[in-house]
Amino acid sequence: MRTDFLKSECKYNSILLPRKIFFAYFLDFILHFSTTVFYFSAFMLIIPEIKLLKGFCNVNFGETIEGVKKVFGEPEEIQALEDEILNTSSTVYHYWDLGFSLFFDNSRNKTFCSVELDNRDALLFNTPLFTLREKELVELMKQNGYGLSDTEVHEWGEKRVSFDSAGLDCYFENNKLVSANFGIIEGDNFYFFPN
């Protein structure tokens, strides 16, 4: 009788062992998949927030390229810009799918200095920026202590609306905001490259 019990126990264990292995692999897959989805979702939930004269999202102006990549990851494209008239040189990290480009001042050890943005979810003073018409933008800026400095209609049709004390330029086309540039200001210099 004891041998029958051992035979049935061995048979039972030989059936369970593959199931246990399968279950262990299945749990490992689920855990890995859910972690990947969590990180992907967390990254995709980054809502672009403009922090005038300070930075963008959780990145302050003056941050290194490595520090920026820890927040946003690798860019889709890297571009070098040279302006011989203004005597400036920048490295630009384009995050096309996220709707922004980040500029790094080469003369200042490639530190983060400005942003060009066309992401429709961007916030300015907790207000969705790209829903604002020109007059609403001017009023929002005024409420937050920044007066309108200048406007200009470019020959290609865009209208630039500038708030120099905030380091912000907004571009309207057919009375709709299409892009915004903002950055740091040092003395009389506004460190960014316009459209």
Protein backbone atom coordinates (compact mmCIF):
# COMPACT_ATOMS: atom_id res chain seq x y z
CA MET A 1 0.00 0.00 0.00
CA ARG A 2 2.87 2.40 0.80
CA THR A 3 4.30 1.89 -2.71
CA ASP A 4 0.96 2.74 -4.31
CA PHE A 5 0.92 6.01 -2.35
CA LEU A 6 4.47 6.87 -3.50
CA LYS A 7 3.63 6.04 -7.11
CA SER A 8 0.55 8.26 -7.03
CA GLU A 9 2.52 11.07 -5.32
CA CYS A 10 5.28 10.91 -7.97
CA LYS A 11 2.67 10.87 -10.74
CA TYR A 12 0.93 13.84 -9.10
CA ASN A 13 4.24 15.78 -8.80
CA SER A 14 5.21 15.05 -12.41
CA ILE A 15 1.91 16.60 -13.53
CA LEU A 16 2.28 19.63 -11.23
CA LEU A 17 5.91 20.43 -12.03
CA PRO A 18 5.26 21.67 -15.60
CA ARG A 19 2.26 23.62 -14.32
CA LYS A 20 4.39 25.25 -11.62
CA ILE A 21 7.06 26.17 -14.15
CA PHE A 22 4.45 27.58 -16.55
CA PHE A 23 2.83 29.55 -13.72
CA ALA A 24 6.21 30.98 -12.63
CA TYR A 25 7.01 32.11 -16.19
CA PHE A 26 3.50 33.48 -16.60
CA LEU A 27 3.80 35.53 -13.39
CA ASP A 28 7.21 36.81 -14.47
CA PHE A 29 5.77 37.89 -17.84
CA ILE A 30 2.78 39.63 -16.22
CA LEU A 31 5.01 41.43 -13.73
CA HIS A 32 7.44 42.56 -16.45
CA PHE A 33 4.61 43.60 -18.78
CA SER A 34 2.76 45.59 -16.11
CA THR A 35 5.99 47.35 -15.07
CA THR A 36 6.71 48.25 -18.70
CA VAL A 37 3.16 49.55 -19.17
CA PHE A 38 3.44 51.57 -15.95
CA TYR A 39 6.69 53.25 -17.03
CA PHE A 40 5.37 53.87 -20.54
CA SER A 41 2.13 55.31 -19.16
CA ALA A 42 3.98 57.49 -16.66
CA PHE A 43 6.17 58.87 -19.46
CA MET A 44 3.19 59.51 -21.71
CA LEU A 45 1.40 61.30 -18.88
CA ILE A 46 3.97 64.08 -18.87
CA ILE A 47 1.89 67.17 -19.42
CA PRO A 48 4.10 69.89 -20.84
CA GLU A 49 4.15 72.71 -18.31
CA ILE A 50 5.72 76.05 -19.08
CA LYS A 51 7.50 77.56 -16.09
CA LEU A 52 8.46 80.99 -17.36
CA LEU A 53 12.07 81.98 -16.69
CA LYS A 54 12.53 78.77 -14.68
CA GLY A 55 12.18 75.76 -16.95
CA PHE A 56 9.92 73.19 -18.53
CA CYS A 57 8.03 70.38 -16.78
CA ASN A 58 10.40 69.14 -14.07
CA VAL A 59 13.58 70.43 -15.73
CA ASN A 60 15.10 73.78 -14.77
CA PHE A 61 16.98 76.00 -17.18
CA GLY A 62 20.71 75.42 -16.69
CA GLU A 63 20.30 71.62 -16.46
CA THR A 64 22.78 69.42 -18.31
CA ILE A 65 21.91 67.30 -21.33
CA GLU A 66 22.24 64.16 -19.21
CA GLY A 67 19.81 65.55 -16.64
CA VAL A 68 17.29 66.36 -19.37
CA LYS A 69 17.61 62.88 -20.90
CA LYS A 70 16.79 61.34 -17.50
CA VAL A 71 13.40 63.05 -17.69
CA PHE A 72 12.54 62.89 -21.40
CA GLY A 73 14.76 60.09 -22.70
CA GLU A 74 16.69 60.12 -25.94
CA PRO A 75 15.55 62.68 -28.55
CA GLU A 76 14.29 61.63 -31.95
CA GLU A 77 16.71 64.02 -33.63
CA ILE A 78 19.70 66.12 -32.60
CA GLN A 79 20.55 69.30 -34.51
CA ALA A 80 23.41 71.79 -34.30
CA LEU A 81 22.52 75.47 -34.87
CA GLU A 82 24.99 78.26 -35.47
CA ASP A 83 23.98 81.91 -35.77
CA GLU A 84 26.89 84.02 -36.97
CA ILE A 85 24.92 87.27 -36.69
CA LEU A 86 24.06 86.76 -33.00
CA ASN A 87 27.28 84.81 -32.43
CA THR A 88 25.41 81.93 -30.78
CA SER A 89 25.66 78.17 -31.02
CA SER A 90 23.12 75.64 -29.77
CA THR A 91 22.45 71.94 -29.72
CA VAL A 92 18.76 71.13 -30.19
CA TYR A 93 17.08 67.96 -28.99
CA HIS A 94 13.90 67.39 -30.98
CA TYR A 95 11.16 65.33 -29.34
CA TRP A 96 8.81 65.41 -32.33
CA ASP A 97 6.27 62.92 -30.97
CA LEU A 98 6.02 64.86 -27.71
CA GLY A 99 5.64 68.19 -29.49
CA PHE A 100 8.70 70.12 -28.32
CA SER A 101 12.35 70.86 -28.95
CA LEU A 102 14.87 71.65 -26.22
CA PHE A 103 17.80 74.00 -26.80
CA PHE A 104 21.20 73.79 -25.10
CA ASP A 105 23.63 76.72 -25.15
CA ASN A 106 26.98 75.45 -26.42
CA SER A 107 28.85 78.45 -24.98
CA ARG A 108 27.55 77.55 -21.52
CA ASN A 109 28.63 73.91 -21.39
CA LYS A 110 25.55 72.79 -23.33
CA THR A 111 23.12 73.74 -20.58
CA PHE A 112 19.36 73.78 -21.12
CA CYS A 113 18.29 77.31 -22.08
CA SER A 114 15.02 77.33 -24.06
CA VAL A 115 12.08 75.44 -25.53
CA GLU A 116 10.14 75.53 -28.77
CA LEU A 117 6.72 74.02 -28.21
CA ASP A 118 3.70 73.03 -30.27
CA ASN A 119 2.18 70.38 -27.98
CA ARG A 120 -1.55 71.14 -27.73
CA ASP A 121 -1.69 69.91 -24.12
CA ALA A 122 0.85 72.46 -22.84
CA LEU A 123 -0.06 74.43 -19.73
CA LEU A 124 0.83 78.00 -18.84
CA PHE A 125 -0.29 79.11 -15.37
CA ASN A 126 -2.43 75.93 -15.23
CA THR A 127 -4.25 77.05 -18.38
CA PRO A 128 -4.17 75.07 -21.64
CA LEU A 129 -2.04 77.45 -23.69
CA PHE A 130 -3.12 76.40 -27.17
CA THR A 131 -6.81 77.02 -26.48
CA LEU A 132 -6.14 80.74 -25.97
CA ARG A 133 -6.77 83.42 -28.56
CA GLU A 134 -4.37 86.34 -28.70
CA LYS A 135 -6.44 88.64 -26.45
CA GLU A 136 -6.93 85.85 -23.90
CA LEU A 137 -3.18 85.19 -23.84
CA VAL A 138 -2.39 88.88 -23.32
CA GLU A 139 -4.90 89.00 -20.46
CA LEU A 140 -3.53 85.82 -18.83
CA MET A 141 0.00 87.18 -18.99
CA LYS A 142 -1.13 90.55 -17.60
CA GLN A 143 -2.88 88.81 -14.67
CA ASN A 144 0.42 87.11 -13.88
CA GLY A 145 2.53 90.26 -14.03
CA TYR A 146 3.86 90.17 -17.61
CA GLY A 147 2.96 92.89 -20.07
CA LEU A 148 2.85 92.64 -23.84
CA SER A 149 6.15 93.87 -25.31
CA ASP A 150 5.76 93.62 -29.05
CA THR A 151 3.81 92.11 -31.92
CA GLU A 152 4.88 91.54 -35.49
CA VAL A 153 3.26 89.98 -38.54
CA HIS A 154 5.81 88.00 -40.54
CA GLU A 155 5.69 87.98 -44.33
CA TRP A 156 4.73 84.25 -44.29
CA GLY A 157 1.60 85.08 -42.26
CA GLU A 158 2.44 84.18 -38.67
CA LYS A 159 1.93 86.83 -36.01
CA ARG A 160 4.48 86.95 -33.20
CA VAL A 161 3.25 88.10 -29.80
CA SER A 162 6.14 88.77 -27.40
CA PHE A 163 6.41 89.11 -23.65
CA ASP A 164 10.07 90.01 -23.22
CA SER A 165 10.04 90.18 -19.42
CA ALA A 166 8.76 86.57 -19.38
CA GLY A 167 11.08 85.32 -22.13
CA LEU A 168 8.04 84.19 -24.14
CA ASP A 169 7.16 84.50 -27.83
CA CYS A 170 3.92 83.04 -29.16
CA TYR A 171 3.13 82.56 -32.83
CA PHE A 172 -0.42 82.79 -34.18
CA GLU A 173 -1.68 81.77 -37.60
CA ASN A 174 -5.29 82.55 -38.58
CA ASN A 175 -5.87 83.70 -34.97
CA LYS A 176 -4.84 80.29 -33.58
CA LEU A 177 -1.72 79.67 -31.54
CA VAL A 178 0.61 77.36 -33.49
CA SER A 179 3.83 77.47 -31.45
CA ALA A 180 5.54 79.07 -28.48
CA ASN A 181 9.18 79.74 -27.62
CA PHE A 182 10.38 80.49 -24.13
CA GLY A 183 13.69 80.57 -22.36
CA ILE A 184 16.00 82.27 -19.93
CA ILE A 185 16.93 85.92 -20.03
CA GLU A 186 20.35 87.19 -19.02
CA GLY A 187 20.84 90.94 -19.24
CA ASP A 188 19.57 92.04 -22.63
CA ASN A 189 19.98 88.58 -24.12
CA PHE A 190 17.08 86.21 -24.64
CA TYR A 191 18.67 82.77 -25.12
CA PHE A 192 16.55 81.01 -27.70
CA PHE A 193 16.31 80.52 -31.40
CA PRO A 194 12.96 81.65 -32.82
CA ASN A 195 11.02 79.67 -35.43
